[in-house]
Amino acid sequence: MAFLRRLQEYLDANHVHYEVLGHQEAYTAPEIAHTLRVSGKMLAKAPRKGDILLF
């Protein structure tokens, strides 16, 4: 959770638009991207189960 919070603070400080989304259980970033129907280049997987950042 600390990583996600630090990353969000960094993105906010630099005025980067992002969304935090929940998703079905998946183990890799490509699986999550497929589940959300987005490009794998558009997301970063956070360490806390169920959270990703969508850019």
C-alpha atoms as a PDB file:
ATOM      1  CA  MET A   1       0.000   0.000   0.000  1.00  0.00           C
ATOM      2  CA  ALA A   2       2.875   2.391   0.718  1.00  0.00           C
ATOM      3  CA  PHE A   3       4.144   1.974  -2.847  1.00  0.00           C
ATOM      4  CA  LEU A   4       0.752   2.824  -4.335  1.00  0.00           C
ATOM      5  CA  ARG A   5       0.375   5.873  -2.108  1.00  0.00           C
ATOM      6  CA  ARG A   6       3.885   7.132  -2.979  1.00  0.00           C
ATOM      7  CA  LEU A   7       3.272   6.597  -6.680  1.00  0.00           C
ATOM      8  CA  GLN A   8      -0.071   8.422  -6.517  1.00  0.00           C
ATOM      9  CA  GLU A   9       1.566  11.326  -4.651  1.00  0.00           C
ATOM     10  CA  TYR A  10       4.288  11.521  -7.307  1.00  0.00           C
ATOM     11  CA  LEU A  11       1.783  11.455 -10.168  1.00  0.00           C
ATOM     12  CA  ASP A  12      -0.412  14.062  -8.461  1.00  0.00           C
ATOM     13  CA  ALA A  13       2.572  16.349  -7.827  1.00  0.00           C
ATOM     14  CA  ASN A  14       3.478  16.130 -11.517  1.00  0.00           C
ATOM     15  CA  HIS A  15      -0.121  16.605 -12.715  1.00  0.00           C
ATOM     16  CA  VAL A  16      -0.289  13.203 -14.412  1.00  0.00           C
ATOM     17  CA  HIS A  17      -3.811  11.948 -15.144  1.00  0.00           C
ATOM     18  CA  TYR A  18      -4.474   8.368 -13.970  1.00  0.00           C
ATOM     19  CA  GLU A  19      -7.260   6.161 -12.662  1.00  0.00           C
ATOM     20  CA  VAL A  20      -7.089   3.467 -10.000  1.00  0.00           C
ATOM     21  CA  LEU A  21      -9.256   0.522 -11.082  1.00  0.00           C
ATOM     22  CA  GLY A  22     -10.226  -2.782  -9.514  1.00  0.00           C
ATOM     23  CA  HIS A  23     -10.337  -5.911 -11.651  1.00  0.00           C
ATOM     24  CA  GLN A  24     -11.001  -9.616 -11.550  1.00  0.00           C
ATOM     25  CA  GLU A  25      -8.222 -11.730 -10.097  1.00  0.00           C
ATOM     26  CA  ALA A  26      -5.260 -11.877 -12.486  1.00  0.00           C
ATOM     27  CA  TYR A  27      -1.568 -12.509 -11.882  1.00  0.00           C
ATOM     28  CA  THR A  28       0.243 -10.585 -14.607  1.00  0.00           C
ATOM     29  CA  ALA A  29      -0.099  -7.116 -16.107  1.00  0.00           C
ATOM     30  CA  PRO A  30      -0.987  -8.572 -19.550  1.00  0.00           C
ATOM     31  CA  GLU A  31      -3.797 -10.639 -17.976  1.00  0.00           C
ATOM     32  CA  ILE A  32      -5.131  -7.543 -16.238  1.00  0.00           C
ATOM     33  CA  ALA A  33      -4.956  -5.512 -19.457  1.00  0.00           C
ATOM     34  CA  HIS A  34      -6.874  -8.253 -21.261  1.00  0.00           C
ATOM     35  CA  THR A  35      -9.514  -8.350 -18.512  1.00  0.00           C
ATOM     36  CA  LEU A  36      -9.963  -4.563 -18.719  1.00  0.00           C
ATOM     37  CA  ARG A  37      -9.735  -4.539 -22.524  1.00  0.00           C
ATOM     38  CA  VAL A  38      -6.926  -1.974 -22.580  1.00  0.00           C
ATOM     39  CA  SER A  39      -3.394  -1.963 -23.975  1.00  0.00           C
ATOM     40  CA  GLY A  40      -0.733  -3.325 -21.639  1.00  0.00           C
ATOM     41  CA  LYS A  41       1.164  -0.088 -22.298  1.00  0.00           C
ATOM     42  CA  MET A  42      -1.620   1.822 -20.535  1.00  0.00           C
ATOM     43  CA  LEU A  43      -1.315   0.293 -17.071  1.00  0.00           C
ATOM     44  CA  ALA A  44       1.001  -0.380 -14.179  1.00  0.00           C
ATOM     45  CA  LYS A  45       0.297  -3.151 -11.680  1.00  0.00           C
ATOM     46  CA  ALA A  46       0.501  -2.060  -8.056  1.00  0.00           C
ATOM     47  CA  PRO A  47       1.686  -4.452  -5.323  1.00  0.00           C
ATOM     48  CA  ARG A  48      -1.662  -4.524  -3.494  1.00  0.00           C
ATOM     49  CA  LYS A  49      -3.931  -7.238  -4.842  1.00  0.00           C
ATOM     50  CA  GLY A  50      -6.639  -5.812  -7.067  1.00  0.00           C
ATOM     51  CA  ASP A  51      -5.152  -2.375  -7.772  1.00  0.00           C
ATOM     52  CA  ILE A  52      -3.735  -1.060 -11.007  1.00  0.00           C
ATOM     53  CA  LEU A  53      -2.972   2.385 -12.331  1.00  0.00           C
ATOM     54  CA  LEU A  54      -4.313   3.281 -15.763  1.00  0.00           C
ATOM     55  CA  PHE A  55      -2.513   6.064 -17.637  1.00  0.00           C
END
